[in-house]
C-alpha cells in the first residue's frame, strides 16, 4: 500500500474516532478542508509539517499516522 493512502486511512480513522468532521479537524490543524480531504483520499503528498499538525490536532504520535495497524 502506498504511504499516502495509508496516511489517509489512518487520519480518517482517527478523525472519526474523535467524532470530528473534516472541517473541524482542518481548523484544529490549521489547514484547508480541501487539503485534508485530498490527504484522506491519498491523492496528495503530505508535508512533514502537515503530519505534525494533524497528529497534534488528533492527539496521537505522528508515527501512528504512518504505520499499519495489526488486525488482531
C-alpha atoms as a PDB file:
ATOM      1  CA  UNK A   1       0.000   0.000   0.000  1.00  0.00           C
ATOM      2  CA  UNK A   2       1.246   3.461  -0.837  1.00  0.00           C
ATOM      3  CA  UNK A   3       2.253   5.535   2.169  1.00  0.00           C
ATOM      4  CA  UNK A   4      -0.055   8.381   1.112  1.00  0.00           C
ATOM      5  CA  UNK A   5      -3.036   6.002   1.105  1.00  0.00           C
ATOM      6  CA  UNK A   6      -2.045   4.536   4.472  1.00  0.00           C
ATOM      7  CA  UNK A   7      -1.715   8.004   5.980  1.00  0.00           C
ATOM      8  CA  UNK A   8      -5.107   8.979   4.605  1.00  0.00           C
ATOM      9  CA  UNK A   9      -6.814   5.920   6.043  1.00  0.00           C
ATOM     10  CA  UNK A  10      -5.197   6.456   9.433  1.00  0.00           C
ATOM     11  CA  UNK A  11      -6.116  10.143   9.539  1.00  0.00           C
ATOM     12  CA  UNK A  12      -9.728   9.403   8.567  1.00  0.00           C
ATOM     13  CA  UNK A  13      -9.983   6.634  11.152  1.00  0.00           C
ATOM     14  CA  UNK A  14      -8.517   8.783  13.940  1.00  0.00           C
ATOM     15  CA  UNK A  15     -10.734  11.712  12.946  1.00  0.00           C
ATOM     16  CA  UNK A  16     -13.861   9.568  13.027  1.00  0.00           C
ATOM     17  CA  UNK A  17     -12.896   8.043  16.388  1.00  0.00           C
ATOM     18  CA  UNK A  18     -12.639  11.579  17.780  1.00  0.00           C
ATOM     19  CA  UNK A  19     -16.041  12.452  16.287  1.00  0.00           C
ATOM     20  CA  UNK A  20     -14.603  15.290  14.210  1.00  0.00           C
ATOM     21  CA  UNK A  21     -15.735  16.480  10.814  1.00  0.00           C
ATOM     22  CA  UNK A  22     -13.128  17.206   8.163  1.00  0.00           C
ATOM     23  CA  UNK A  23     -13.842  20.892   8.635  1.00  0.00           C
ATOM     24  CA  UNK A  24     -13.296  20.727  12.404  1.00  0.00           C
ATOM     25  CA  UNK A  25     -10.035  18.780  12.086  1.00  0.00           C
ATOM     26  CA  UNK A  26      -8.765  21.054   9.333  1.00  0.00           C
ATOM     27  CA  UNK A  27      -9.442  24.073  11.546  1.00  0.00           C
ATOM     28  CA  UNK A  28      -7.653  22.485  14.515  1.00  0.00           C
ATOM     29  CA  UNK A  29      -4.686  21.542  12.321  1.00  0.00           C
ATOM     30  CA  UNK A  30      -4.514  24.943  10.620  1.00  0.00           C
ATOM     31  CA  UNK A  31      -5.122  23.705   7.078  1.00  0.00           C
ATOM     32  CA  UNK A  32      -7.809  23.916   4.442  1.00  0.00           C
ATOM     33  CA  UNK A  33     -10.549  21.311   4.438  1.00  0.00           C
ATOM     34  CA  UNK A  34      -9.897  20.551   0.769  1.00  0.00           C
ATOM     35  CA  UNK A  35      -6.241  19.755   1.567  1.00  0.00           C
ATOM     36  CA  UNK A  36      -7.331  17.431   4.379  1.00  0.00           C
ATOM     37  CA  UNK A  37      -9.821  15.766   2.054  1.00  0.00           C
ATOM     38  CA  UNK A  38      -7.062  15.166  -0.511  1.00  0.00           C
ATOM     39  CA  UNK A  39      -4.830  13.702   2.203  1.00  0.00           C
ATOM     40  CA  UNK A  40      -7.549  11.364   3.424  1.00  0.00           C
ATOM     41  CA  UNK A  41      -8.117  10.109  -0.133  1.00  0.00           C
ATOM     42  CA  UNK A  42      -4.377   9.572  -0.594  1.00  0.00           C
ATOM     43  CA  UNK A  43      -4.243  11.869  -3.596  1.00  0.00           C
ATOM     44  CA  UNK A  44      -1.931  14.468  -2.096  1.00  0.00           C
ATOM     45  CA  UNK A  45       1.618  14.170  -0.800  1.00  0.00           C
ATOM     46  CA  UNK A  46       1.697  15.464   2.778  1.00  0.00           C
ATOM     47  CA  UNK A  47       4.411  17.662   4.165  1.00  0.00           C
ATOM     48  CA  UNK A  48       6.119  16.774   7.416  1.00  0.00           C
ATOM     49  CA  UNK A  49       4.512  19.887   8.883  1.00  0.00           C
ATOM     50  CA  UNK A  50       1.042  18.668   7.857  1.00  0.00           C
ATOM     51  CA  UNK A  51       1.652  15.299   9.516  1.00  0.00           C
ATOM     52  CA  UNK A  52       2.828  17.039  12.690  1.00  0.00           C
ATOM     53  CA  UNK A  53      -0.197  19.353  12.748  1.00  0.00           C
ATOM     54  CA  UNK A  54      -2.633  16.501  12.188  1.00  0.00           C
ATOM     55  CA  UNK A  55      -1.017  14.379  14.886  1.00  0.00           C
ATOM     56  CA  UNK A  56      -1.206  17.263  17.354  1.00  0.00           C
ATOM     57  CA  UNK A  57      -4.844  18.000  16.483  1.00  0.00           C
ATOM     58  CA  UNK A  58      -5.735  14.297  16.787  1.00  0.00           C
ATOM     59  CA  UNK A  59      -3.650  13.849  19.956  1.00  0.00           C
ATOM     60  CA  UNK A  60      -1.642  10.940  18.522  1.00  0.00           C
ATOM     61  CA  UNK A  61       2.021  10.352  17.816  1.00  0.00           C
ATOM     62  CA  UNK A  62       2.945  11.237  14.217  1.00  0.00           C
ATOM     63  CA  UNK A  63       4.269   7.700  13.715  1.00  0.00           C
ATOM     64  CA  UNK A  64       0.765   6.360  14.435  1.00  0.00           C
ATOM     65  CA  UNK A  65      -0.454   8.074  11.275  1.00  0.00           C
ATOM     66  CA  UNK A  66       2.192   6.355   9.180  1.00  0.00           C
ATOM     67  CA  UNK A  67       2.038   2.781  10.436  1.00  0.00           C
ATOM     68  CA  UNK A  68      -0.214  -0.105   9.562  1.00  0.00           C
ATOM     69  CA  UNK A  69      -2.212  -1.435  12.479  1.00  0.00           C
ATOM     70  CA  UNK A  70      -2.111  -5.139  13.055  1.00  0.00           C
ATOM     71  CA  UNK A  71      -5.510  -6.759  12.769  1.00  0.00           C
ATOM     72  CA  UNK A  72      -5.739  -8.998  15.706  1.00  0.00           C
END
